[in-house]
């Protein structure tokens, strides 16, 4: 399949259609580091997150300094950003609508703690951001990674978020 576009290659039900065999200096082959077995598992893999979004996460971590801040992550999904914020020493609360994603986030955090990772307090909650209670003046920073486009209308949520931020 070398040289063919993986999305158009005639592949069987295996993942060769997904992974393809393209490799250049500009597009290195990270498959050995990625643990995903299928496209559905791809974005649950921390290596994929680091490859795809690492620079953006670094910018968010820089904006959330100094350590020790109380941070709320909206639409936290599997919790990668929350984990990084907690590892940077913040007290983090992540909220997501998906029970499956929250369970994944809790599982990843539990495994890191069991492995001896140092991190600040970290909790995850299942909740709909349109109605989930947000305490007033409780957070130093509120972050959201690729989730606000799922909230319509976003205006009422923004008002609640303003109230949840510390002055």
Foldseek 3Di string as FASTA:
>chain_A
DPPDQLCPDPDDPACCSVQPDDDDPVRHRCVVVFPDRHPVCRVVTVVNCCVPPVVVLVVVLVVPDDAAFEEEEEQCFLPPSVQVNFLNRYAYEYEHQDPVRQVNNVVVVVVCVVVPRHTHHYYYDHDDLVDDDADFQAGQYYHYDPDQVVDPPCVVSVVRVVRNHHD
